Amino acid sequence: MNGVYGLSLVVGLIALVAWILLGGLSESNSGRPSHPDERFGATGRGVVAGLTAFGIGGLSASYGGWPTAAAITAALFAALVFAAYAYRYDPGSEPDAD
């Protein structure tokens, strides 16, 4: 299972770095290429966050000595929480000032 966690983490981190670089390029280059938030939206943010969190959560639990079933559960829970947060978070909006 560590290979699956590692692969998920590597793919998620590569996607995260690409997201950041493309976002910066679109800001500094008059919108070309288009911003990843415009291309992939909230679903894309959720997928990238979920992949990264699945890898981090699974590797952490696995190397922490947790049983396999508990490590898988922790990885899935981490992926779900981070994907839901990334899906709901809109980087262009101001937080509520209540």
Protein backbone atom coordinates (compact mmCIF):
# COMPACT_ATOMS: atom_id res chain seq x y z
CA MET A 1 0.00 0.00 0.00
CA ASN A 2 2.92 2.36 0.57
CA GLY A 3 3.49 2.44 -3.19
CA VAL A 4 -0.10 3.57 -3.77
CA TYR A 5 0.24 6.26 -1.11
CA GLY A 6 3.57 7.38 -2.54
CA LEU A 7 2.26 7.52 -6.10
CA SER A 8 -0.76 9.51 -4.98
CA LEU A 9 1.46 11.94 -3.11
CA VAL A 10 3.86 12.43 -6.03
CA VAL A 11 1.06 12.93 -8.56
CA GLY A 12 -0.75 15.29 -6.18
CA LEU A 13 2.36 17.36 -5.51
CA ILE A 14 3.22 17.61 -9.21
CA ALA A 15 -0.35 18.70 -9.95
CA LEU A 16 -0.20 21.23 -7.10
CA VAL A 17 3.06 22.76 -8.34
CA ALA A 18 1.70 22.86 -11.90
CA TRP A 19 -1.49 24.53 -10.62
CA ILE A 20 0.55 27.21 -8.84
CA LEU A 21 2.84 27.82 -11.82
CA LEU A 22 0.00 28.00 -14.33
CA GLY A 23 -1.89 30.34 -12.01
CA GLY A 24 1.12 32.63 -11.82
CA LEU A 25 1.67 32.52 -15.57
CA SER A 26 -1.92 33.39 -16.29
CA GLU A 27 -1.78 36.34 -13.89
CA SER A 28 1.38 37.76 -15.42
CA ASN A 29 0.67 36.98 -19.07
CA SER A 30 -2.72 38.61 -19.75
CA GLY A 31 -4.67 35.44 -19.11
CA ARG A 32 -2.72 33.12 -21.41
CA PRO A 33 -2.74 30.28 -20.53
CA SER A 34 -6.04 30.44 -18.71
CA HIS A 35 -6.02 30.12 -14.94
CA PRO A 36 -6.46 26.55 -13.63
CA ASP A 37 -9.45 27.70 -11.56
CA GLU A 38 -11.17 28.71 -14.79
CA ARG A 39 -10.20 25.52 -16.60
CA PHE A 40 -10.80 22.92 -13.89
CA GLY A 41 -12.80 24.80 -11.27
CA ALA A 42 -13.63 23.56 -7.82
CA THR A 43 -13.65 19.92 -8.92
CA GLY A 44 -10.04 20.17 -10.08
CA ARG A 45 -8.98 21.80 -6.81
CA GLY A 46 -10.73 19.01 -4.91
CA VAL A 47 -9.01 16.28 -6.91
CA VAL A 48 -5.54 17.78 -6.43
CA ALA A 49 -6.12 18.28 -2.70
CA GLY A 50 -7.59 14.79 -2.32
CA LEU A 51 -4.69 13.08 -4.08
CA THR A 52 -2.12 14.93 -2.01
CA ALA A 53 -3.94 14.35 1.28
CA PHE A 54 -4.50 10.66 0.51
CA GLY A 55 -0.77 10.19 0.00
CA ILE A 56 0.25 12.17 3.07
CA GLY A 57 -2.36 10.58 5.32
CA GLY A 58 -1.66 7.05 4.14
CA LEU A 59 2.12 7.31 4.40
CA SER A 60 1.93 8.96 7.80
CA ALA A 61 -0.39 6.32 9.21
CA SER A 62 1.48 3.46 7.58
CA TYR A 63 4.91 4.53 8.81
CA GLY A 64 3.37 5.34 12.18
CA GLY A 65 2.76 1.65 12.67
CA TRP A 66 -0.98 1.63 12.17
CA PRO A 67 -2.62 -1.54 10.87
CA THR A 68 -3.34 -1.55 7.13
CA ALA A 69 -7.10 -1.11 7.51
CA ALA A 70 -6.64 1.85 9.85
CA ALA A 71 -4.07 3.45 7.51
CA ILE A 72 -6.43 3.12 4.53
CA THR A 73 -9.26 4.60 6.59
CA ALA A 74 -7.05 7.51 7.69
CA ALA A 75 -5.92 8.13 4.10
CA LEU A 76 -9.49 8.12 2.79
CA PHE A 77 -10.66 10.39 5.59
CA ALA A 78 -7.82 12.85 4.93
CA ALA A 79 -8.58 12.84 1.21
CA LEU A 80 -12.29 13.42 1.82
CA VAL A 81 -11.76 16.28 4.27
CA PHE A 82 -9.19 18.10 2.14
CA ALA A 83 -11.10 17.57 -1.11
CA ALA A 84 -14.28 18.93 0.47
CA TYR A 85 -12.42 21.94 1.85
CA ALA A 86 -10.72 22.67 -1.48
CA TYR A 87 -14.02 22.26 -3.30
CA ARG A 88 -15.78 24.77 -1.04
CA TYR A 89 -12.91 27.28 -0.81
CA ASP A 90 -13.01 30.03 -3.40
CA PRO A 91 -9.67 31.86 -3.58
CA GLY A 92 -11.25 34.92 -5.16
CA SER A 93 -13.77 35.64 -2.43
CA GLU A 94 -13.33 37.45 0.85
CA PRO A 95 -14.02 35.50 4.04
CA ASP A 96 -17.04 36.49 6.07
CA ALA A 97 -16.22 39.24 8.53
CA ASP A 98 -18.87 38.26 11.08
